Each structure stands twice: as structure tokens, then as C-alpha cells.
């Protein structure tokens, strides 16, 4: 796993607000992954994880509001994807806090989680919104 993942144009969904939110999530994940995670640092890592969850919830809420207001045809499936992702994320956070997975494994999960969601779900939403003039 790369210790730090840089934003690439290939991750863009073409809707500026979503792209900025995704960049911020990637930045937050990078800060977690590159943190020196020792026992005495877990307090700070826990705070970073809490902020990450807050950021994700905000971003998902924003997407869901836009999907509703634009009558996105796949909004129920996309919302279901958000629900599954959050459940899995919470399980992985708990595993990380308990020491059941390494920080490297957790970082790999976070990167895969974000990029997979962008590529599999948000790219379709972005294309739909751009067709309707949203930039």
C-alpha cells in the first residue's frame, strides 16, 4: 500500500462540490494513514476517525439531497450503497481500535473503500448530473 494517496483527475466525477468533498475525504484518510499509530497516539487517531465519519456522513447526506432533488433514477441503490459502506466502515474502525487489524490494513481498506465508491457509484451520479447541467 502507498503510504499516501494523491488525488488524480481520474477520480473526478465532474461535479465540483462532490469532487471537493472527495478530495477532503482523501486528505482526511491520508492523515489517518500517515499518523504514527502507537498505543499513546490512539486518542488522536480516534479523534481523526470520528472526524472522518462526520465528513463521510455530511458528504453522503449532500449526495442524497442532490439525488432526491434531481430525481436520480438509481438513488435507492446508491443510498443502499451508502448504508452498506457505513456499516462496513464502522466494523473496520472498531477492528482498528481493538487492534484486530493493522494500521496498514485499515489504511488499505479506507483507500479501497473511497475509490471503489467513487468509481462504481459516484461516477454514474456525476454523469447524470452533468447531463442536466450541473457542474
N, C-alpha and C. Protein backbone atom coordinates (compact mmCIF):
# COMPACT_ATOMS: atom_id res chain seq x y z
N UNK A 1 0.84 -1.17 0.00
CA UNK A 1 0.00 0.00 0.00
C UNK A 1 0.88 1.23 0.00
N UNK A 2 0.49 2.21 -0.76
CA UNK A 2 1.15 3.50 -0.73
C UNK A 2 0.87 4.16 0.61
N UNK A 3 1.88 4.79 1.18
CA UNK A 3 1.68 5.44 2.46
C UNK A 3 0.80 6.68 2.33
N UNK A 4 0.71 7.20 1.12
CA UNK A 4 -0.04 8.42 0.90
C UNK A 4 -0.61 8.35 -0.51
N UNK A 5 -1.89 8.59 -0.65
CA UNK A 5 -2.52 8.52 -1.96
C UNK A 5 -2.88 9.93 -2.41
N UNK A 6 -2.38 10.30 -3.57
CA UNK A 6 -2.64 11.64 -4.09
C UNK A 6 -3.88 11.63 -4.97
N UNK A 7 -4.61 12.74 -4.92
CA UNK A 7 -5.78 12.93 -5.77
C UNK A 7 -5.33 12.94 -7.22
N UNK A 8 -6.10 12.26 -8.07
CA UNK A 8 -5.82 12.23 -9.51
C UNK A 8 -7.07 12.66 -10.26
N UNK A 9 -6.86 13.21 -11.44
CA UNK A 9 -8.00 13.64 -12.24
C UNK A 9 -8.95 12.49 -12.56
N UNK A 10 -8.44 11.27 -12.58
CA UNK A 10 -9.28 10.10 -12.85
C UNK A 10 -10.32 9.84 -11.78
N UNK A 11 -10.17 10.47 -10.62
CA UNK A 11 -11.14 10.31 -9.53
C UNK A 11 -12.27 11.33 -9.63
N UNK A 12 -12.14 12.30 -10.52
CA UNK A 12 -13.14 13.36 -10.64
C UNK A 12 -14.45 12.80 -11.18
N UNK A 13 -15.56 13.23 -10.56
CA UNK A 13 -16.88 12.85 -11.06
C UNK A 13 -17.46 13.97 -11.92
N UNK A 14 -16.79 15.12 -11.94
CA UNK A 14 -17.21 16.22 -12.81
C UNK A 14 -18.24 17.15 -12.21
N UNK A 15 -18.50 17.01 -10.93
CA UNK A 15 -19.38 17.93 -10.21
C UNK A 15 -18.50 18.53 -9.12
N UNK A 16 -18.22 19.83 -9.24
CA UNK A 16 -17.20 20.48 -8.42
C UNK A 16 -17.37 20.23 -6.92
N UNK A 17 -18.58 20.38 -6.42
CA UNK A 17 -18.79 20.22 -4.97
C UNK A 17 -18.46 18.80 -4.52
N UNK A 18 -18.90 17.80 -5.30
CA UNK A 18 -18.60 16.42 -4.94
C UNK A 18 -17.10 16.15 -5.03
N UNK A 19 -16.46 16.68 -6.07
CA UNK A 19 -15.02 16.47 -6.22
C UNK A 19 -14.26 17.08 -5.04
N UNK A 20 -14.66 18.26 -4.60
CA UNK A 20 -14.01 18.89 -3.45
C UNK A 20 -14.23 18.07 -2.17
N UNK A 21 -15.44 17.56 -2.00
CA UNK A 21 -15.72 16.73 -0.83
C UNK A 21 -14.90 15.44 -0.86
N UNK A 22 -14.78 14.83 -2.04
CA UNK A 22 -13.99 13.61 -2.17
C UNK A 22 -12.51 13.90 -1.88
N UNK A 23 -12.00 15.02 -2.38
CA UNK A 23 -10.61 15.39 -2.10
C UNK A 23 -10.39 15.55 -0.59
N UNK A 24 -11.34 16.19 0.08
CA UNK A 24 -11.23 16.39 1.53
C UNK A 24 -11.25 15.05 2.26
N UNK A 25 -12.09 14.11 1.80
CA UNK A 25 -12.11 12.78 2.43
C UNK A 25 -10.77 12.08 2.22
N UNK A 26 -10.22 12.17 1.02
CA UNK A 26 -8.92 11.55 0.75
C UNK A 26 -7.84 12.18 1.63
N UNK A 27 -7.88 13.49 1.79
CA UNK A 27 -6.92 14.17 2.66
C UNK A 27 -7.06 13.66 4.10
N UNK A 28 -8.28 13.53 4.57
CA UNK A 28 -8.51 13.05 5.95
C UNK A 28 -7.98 11.62 6.09
N UNK A 29 -8.25 10.77 5.10
CA UNK A 29 -7.75 9.39 5.14
C UNK A 29 -6.22 9.39 5.14
N UNK A 30 -5.61 10.24 4.31
CA UNK A 30 -4.15 10.31 4.29
C UNK A 30 -3.59 10.69 5.65
N UNK A 31 -4.25 11.60 6.35
CA UNK A 31 -3.77 11.99 7.68
C UNK A 31 -3.86 10.83 8.66
N UNK A 32 -4.90 10.02 8.53
CA UNK A 32 -5.04 8.86 9.41
C UNK A 32 -3.97 7.82 9.09
N UNK A 33 -3.80 7.55 7.80
CA UNK A 33 -2.87 6.51 7.38
C UNK A 33 -1.42 6.88 7.71
N UNK A 34 -1.08 8.15 7.59
CA UNK A 34 0.31 8.55 7.82
C UNK A 34 0.58 8.90 9.27
N UNK A 35 -0.44 8.85 10.12
CA UNK A 35 -0.23 9.12 11.55
C UNK A 35 0.64 8.02 12.14
N UNK A 36 1.46 8.39 13.07
CA UNK A 36 2.28 7.42 13.79
C UNK A 36 1.38 6.77 14.83
N UNK A 37 0.88 5.59 14.51
CA UNK A 37 -0.11 4.96 15.38
C UNK A 37 0.58 4.02 16.36
N UNK A 38 0.74 4.52 17.55
CA UNK A 38 1.21 3.73 18.67
C UNK A 38 0.11 3.75 19.72
N UNK A 39 0.29 3.03 20.79
CA UNK A 39 -0.74 2.98 21.83
C UNK A 39 -1.08 4.37 22.36
N UNK A 40 -0.09 5.20 22.62
CA UNK A 40 -0.35 6.51 23.19
C UNK A 40 -0.95 7.49 22.18
N UNK A 41 -0.90 7.15 20.90
CA UNK A 41 -1.49 8.01 19.88
C UNK A 41 -2.94 7.64 19.55
N UNK A 42 -3.46 6.55 20.11
CA UNK A 42 -4.80 6.10 19.75
C UNK A 42 -5.87 7.16 20.06
N UNK A 43 -5.65 7.97 21.08
CA UNK A 43 -6.61 9.04 21.37
C UNK A 43 -6.75 9.96 20.16
N UNK A 44 -5.61 10.37 19.59
CA UNK A 44 -5.64 11.28 18.45
C UNK A 44 -6.19 10.58 17.21
N UNK A 45 -5.84 9.33 17.03
CA UNK A 45 -6.36 8.58 15.89
C UNK A 45 -7.87 8.43 16.02
N UNK A 46 -8.36 8.18 17.23
CA UNK A 46 -9.80 8.08 17.46
C UNK A 46 -10.50 9.39 17.09
N UNK A 47 -9.88 10.51 17.45
CA UNK A 47 -10.46 11.81 17.09
C UNK A 47 -10.49 11.98 15.57
N UNK A 48 -9.39 11.59 14.89
CA UNK A 48 -9.35 11.68 13.42
C UNK A 48 -10.43 10.80 12.80
N UNK A 49 -10.61 9.59 13.36
CA UNK A 49 -11.63 8.68 12.83
C UNK A 49 -13.03 9.26 13.03
N UNK A 50 -13.27 9.87 14.19
CA UNK A 50 -14.56 10.50 14.43
C UNK A 50 -14.83 11.61 13.44
N UNK A 51 -13.82 12.41 13.15
CA UNK A 51 -13.96 13.49 12.18
C UNK A 51 -14.19 12.92 10.78
N UNK A 52 -13.49 11.84 10.45
CA UNK A 52 -13.69 11.19 9.15
C UNK A 52 -15.14 10.73 9.00
N UNK A 53 -15.67 10.09 10.02
CA UNK A 53 -17.06 9.62 9.95
C UNK A 53 -18.01 10.80 9.78
N UNK A 54 -17.77 11.88 10.51
CA UNK A 54 -18.61 13.08 10.36
C UNK A 54 -18.55 13.61 8.93
N UNK A 55 -17.34 13.66 8.36
CA UNK A 55 -17.18 14.14 6.98
C UNK A 55 -17.90 13.24 5.99
N UNK A 56 -17.80 11.94 6.20
CA UNK A 56 -18.46 10.98 5.30
C UNK A 56 -19.98 11.14 5.39
N UNK A 57 -20.49 11.25 6.61
CA UNK A 57 -21.94 11.43 6.77
C UNK A 57 -22.42 12.70 6.07
N UNK A 58 -21.66 13.76 6.22
CA UNK A 58 -22.01 15.03 5.56
C UNK A 58 -22.01 14.85 4.04
N UNK A 59 -20.97 14.21 3.52
CA UNK A 59 -20.87 14.03 2.07
C UNK A 59 -22.00 13.15 1.55
N UNK A 60 -22.30 12.06 2.26
CA UNK A 60 -23.39 11.18 1.84
C UNK A 60 -24.73 11.92 1.90
N UNK A 61 -24.95 12.69 2.96
CA UNK A 61 -26.19 13.48 3.05
C UNK A 61 -26.31 14.43 1.87
N UNK A 62 -25.21 15.09 1.53
CA UNK A 62 -25.23 16.02 0.41
C UNK A 62 -25.59 15.29 -0.88
N UNK A 63 -24.95 14.16 -1.14
CA UNK A 63 -25.27 13.38 -2.34
C UNK A 63 -26.74 12.98 -2.35
N UNK A 64 -27.24 12.53 -1.22
CA UNK A 64 -28.62 12.05 -1.17
C UNK A 64 -29.62 13.17 -1.39
N UNK A 65 -29.33 14.36 -0.89
CA UNK A 65 -30.21 15.51 -1.14
C UNK A 65 -30.22 15.83 -2.64
N UNK A 66 -29.05 15.83 -3.25
CA UNK A 66 -28.97 16.12 -4.69
C UNK A 66 -29.68 15.03 -5.49
N UNK A 67 -29.49 13.76 -5.10
CA UNK A 67 -30.15 12.67 -5.83
C UNK A 67 -31.67 12.81 -5.76
N UNK A 68 -32.19 13.16 -4.59
CA UNK A 68 -33.64 13.35 -4.44
C UNK A 68 -34.13 14.52 -5.27
N UNK A 69 -33.43 15.64 -5.19
CA UNK A 69 -33.90 16.86 -5.85
C UNK A 69 -33.81 16.77 -7.37
N UNK A 70 -32.95 15.88 -7.88
CA UNK A 70 -32.81 15.74 -9.34
C UNK A 70 -33.48 14.47 -9.86
N UNK A 71 -34.15 13.75 -8.98
CA UNK A 71 -34.85 12.51 -9.34
C UNK A 71 -33.91 11.49 -9.98
N UNK A 72 -32.72 11.37 -9.41
CA UNK A 72 -31.74 10.40 -9.90
C UNK A 72 -32.36 9.01 -9.86
N UNK A 73 -32.42 8.32 -11.01
CA UNK A 73 -33.16 7.05 -11.07
C UNK A 73 -32.56 5.93 -10.21
N UNK A 74 -31.27 5.97 -9.93
CA UNK A 74 -30.62 4.92 -9.13
C UNK A 74 -30.41 5.36 -7.68
N UNK A 75 -31.20 6.34 -7.22
CA UNK A 75 -30.95 6.89 -5.88
C UNK A 75 -31.15 5.86 -4.77
N UNK A 76 -32.11 4.97 -4.90
CA UNK A 76 -32.32 3.97 -3.84
C UNK A 76 -31.13 3.02 -3.73
N UNK A 77 -30.62 2.57 -4.88
CA UNK A 77 -29.46 1.69 -4.87
C UNK A 77 -28.23 2.43 -4.34
N UNK A 78 -28.08 3.68 -4.74
CA UNK A 78 -26.92 4.47 -4.30
C UNK A 78 -27.00 4.70 -2.78
N UNK A 79 -28.18 5.02 -2.29
CA UNK A 79 -28.38 5.20 -0.85
C UNK A 79 -28.08 3.90 -0.11
N UNK A 80 -28.51 2.77 -0.67
CA UNK A 80 -28.20 1.47 -0.08
C UNK A 80 -26.71 1.22 -0.02
N UNK A 81 -26.00 1.66 -1.05
CA UNK A 81 -24.54 1.54 -1.07
C UNK A 81 -23.94 2.36 0.07
N UNK A 82 -24.47 3.56 0.31
CA UNK A 82 -24.00 4.38 1.43
C UNK A 82 -24.21 3.64 2.75
N UNK A 83 -25.38 3.07 2.93
CA UNK A 83 -25.68 2.35 4.18
C UNK A 83 -24.71 1.19 4.39
N UNK A 84 -24.46 0.40 3.35
CA UNK A 84 -23.54 -0.73 3.46
C UNK A 84 -22.12 -0.25 3.76
N UNK A 85 -21.71 0.80 3.06
CA UNK A 85 -20.37 1.33 3.29
C UNK A 85 -20.18 1.81 4.72
N UNK A 86 -21.18 2.48 5.25
CA UNK A 86 -21.08 2.97 6.63
C UNK A 86 -21.01 1.83 7.64
N UNK A 87 -21.84 0.79 7.43
CA UNK A 87 -21.79 -0.36 8.33
C UNK A 87 -20.40 -1.01 8.30
N UNK A 88 -19.87 -1.21 7.08
CA UNK A 88 -18.55 -1.82 6.95
C UNK A 88 -17.46 -0.92 7.54
N UNK A 89 -17.58 0.37 7.32
CA UNK A 89 -16.60 1.30 7.87
C UNK A 89 -16.59 1.23 9.39
N UNK A 90 -17.77 1.21 9.99
CA UNK A 90 -17.84 1.17 11.45
C UNK A 90 -17.23 -0.13 11.99
N UNK A 91 -17.44 -1.24 11.29
CA UNK A 91 -16.82 -2.51 11.70
C UNK A 91 -15.30 -2.42 11.63
N UNK A 92 -14.80 -1.82 10.54
CA UNK A 92 -13.35 -1.70 10.40
C UNK A 92 -12.76 -0.73 11.43
N UNK A 93 -13.46 0.33 11.73
CA UNK A 93 -12.98 1.26 12.76
C UNK A 93 -12.87 0.53 14.10
N UNK A 94 -13.88 -0.26 14.43
CA UNK A 94 -13.84 -1.00 15.68
C UNK A 94 -12.68 -2.00 15.69
N UNK A 95 -12.46 -2.68 14.58
CA UNK A 95 -11.33 -3.62 14.49
C UNK A 95 -10.01 -2.88 14.69
N UNK A 96 -9.90 -1.70 14.10
CA UNK A 96 -8.68 -0.90 14.25
C UNK A 96 -8.50 -0.48 15.69
N UNK A 97 -9.55 -0.02 16.33
CA UNK A 97 -9.46 0.41 17.73
C UNK A 97 -9.09 -0.73 18.66
N UNK A 98 -9.57 -1.93 18.33
CA UNK A 98 -9.27 -3.11 19.16
C UNK A 98 -7.91 -3.72 18.84
N UNK A 99 -7.29 -3.25 17.76
CA UNK A 99 -6.01 -3.81 17.36
C UNK A 99 -6.13 -5.10 16.59
N UNK A 100 -7.32 -5.42 16.09
CA UNK A 100 -7.54 -6.66 15.34
C UNK A 100 -7.02 -6.57 13.91
N UNK A 101 -6.82 -5.36 13.41
CA UNK A 101 -6.20 -5.18 12.10
C UNK A 101 -5.11 -4.12 12.26
N UNK A 102 -4.11 -4.23 11.40
CA UNK A 102 -3.00 -3.28 11.47
C UNK A 102 -3.41 -1.95 10.85
N UNK A 103 -2.64 -0.92 11.15
CA UNK A 103 -2.92 0.39 10.55
C UNK A 103 -2.76 0.32 9.04
N UNK A 104 -1.85 -0.52 8.55
CA UNK A 104 -1.67 -0.67 7.11
C UNK A 104 -2.91 -1.30 6.48
N UNK A 105 -3.43 -2.35 7.11
CA UNK A 105 -4.66 -2.99 6.60
C UNK A 105 -5.83 -2.01 6.63
N UNK A 106 -5.92 -1.25 7.70
CA UNK A 106 -7.00 -0.28 7.82
C UNK A 106 -6.87 0.80 6.75
N UNK A 107 -5.66 1.29 6.55
CA UNK A 107 -5.42 2.29 5.51
C UNK A 107 -5.77 1.79 4.13
N UNK A 108 -5.38 0.56 3.84
CA UNK A 108 -5.72 -0.05 2.54
C UNK A 108 -7.23 -0.13 2.38
N UNK A 109 -7.92 -0.54 3.44
CA UNK A 109 -9.38 -0.60 3.40
C UNK A 109 -9.96 0.78 3.10
N UNK A 110 -9.49 1.81 3.80
CA UNK A 110 -10.04 3.15 3.60
C UNK A 110 -9.83 3.64 2.16
N UNK A 111 -8.62 3.46 1.63
CA UNK A 111 -8.37 3.88 0.25
C UNK A 111 -9.26 3.12 -0.73
N UNK A 112 -9.30 1.80 -0.59
CA UNK A 112 -10.13 0.98 -1.48
C UNK A 112 -11.59 1.37 -1.37
N UNK A 113 -12.05 1.59 -0.15
CA UNK A 113 -13.44 1.95 0.11
C UNK A 113 -13.81 3.23 -0.62
N UNK A 114 -12.99 4.28 -0.45
CA UNK A 114 -13.30 5.56 -1.07
C UNK A 114 -13.25 5.48 -2.59
N UNK A 115 -12.17 4.93 -3.12
CA UNK A 115 -12.01 4.91 -4.58
C UNK A 115 -13.02 3.99 -5.25
N UNK A 116 -13.33 2.87 -4.62
CA UNK A 116 -14.34 1.97 -5.18
C UNK A 116 -15.69 2.65 -5.24
N UNK A 117 -16.06 3.37 -4.19
CA UNK A 117 -17.35 4.06 -4.20
C UNK A 117 -17.38 5.15 -5.26
N UNK A 118 -16.30 5.90 -5.38
CA UNK A 118 -16.26 6.95 -6.40
C UNK A 118 -16.42 6.34 -7.79
N UNK A 119 -15.65 5.30 -8.08
CA UNK A 119 -15.66 4.71 -9.42
C UNK A 119 -16.97 3.98 -9.71
N UNK A 120 -17.48 3.22 -8.75
CA UNK A 120 -18.66 2.40 -9.02
C UNK A 120 -19.98 3.14 -8.89
N UNK A 121 -20.06 4.13 -8.04
CA UNK A 121 -21.34 4.79 -7.79
C UNK A 121 -21.34 6.26 -8.19
N UNK A 122 -20.36 7.00 -7.69
CA UNK A 122 -20.39 8.44 -7.87
C UNK A 122 -20.11 8.88 -9.31
N UNK A 123 -19.36 8.10 -10.07
CA UNK A 123 -19.14 8.43 -11.48
C UNK A 123 -20.46 8.41 -12.24
N UNK A 124 -21.31 7.43 -11.95
CA UNK A 124 -22.62 7.37 -12.61
C UNK A 124 -23.48 8.55 -12.22
N UNK A 125 -23.47 8.89 -10.94
CA UNK A 125 -24.23 10.04 -10.48
C UNK A 125 -23.71 11.32 -11.12
N UNK A 126 -22.39 11.46 -11.18
CA UNK A 126 -21.79 12.64 -11.81
C UNK A 126 -22.20 12.79 -13.26
N UNK A 127 -22.19 11.69 -14.00
CA UNK A 127 -22.59 11.73 -15.41
C UNK A 127 -24.04 12.18 -15.54
N UNK A 128 -24.91 11.64 -14.70
CA UNK A 128 -26.33 12.01 -14.70
C UNK A 128 -26.49 13.51 -14.43
N UNK A 129 -25.77 14.00 -13.44
CA UNK A 129 -25.90 15.42 -13.07
C UNK A 129 -25.32 16.34 -14.15
N UNK A 130 -24.22 15.95 -14.76
CA UNK A 130 -23.64 16.77 -15.83
C UNK A 130 -24.58 16.84 -17.03
N UNK A 131 -25.27 15.73 -17.33
CA UNK A 131 -26.26 15.74 -18.42
C UNK A 131 -27.36 16.76 -18.16
N UNK A 132 -27.57 17.05 -16.91
CA UNK A 132 -28.61 18.01 -16.52
C UNK A 132 -28.05 19.40 -16.22
N UNK A 133 -26.78 19.61 -16.60
CA UNK A 133 -26.17 20.92 -16.50
C UNK A 133 -25.50 21.25 -15.19
N UNK A 134 -25.40 20.30 -14.30
CA UNK A 134 -24.74 20.56 -13.02
C UNK A 134 -23.23 20.39 -13.18
N UNK A 135 -22.50 21.37 -12.77
CA UNK A 135 -21.03 21.32 -12.86
C UNK A 135 -20.49 21.36 -11.47
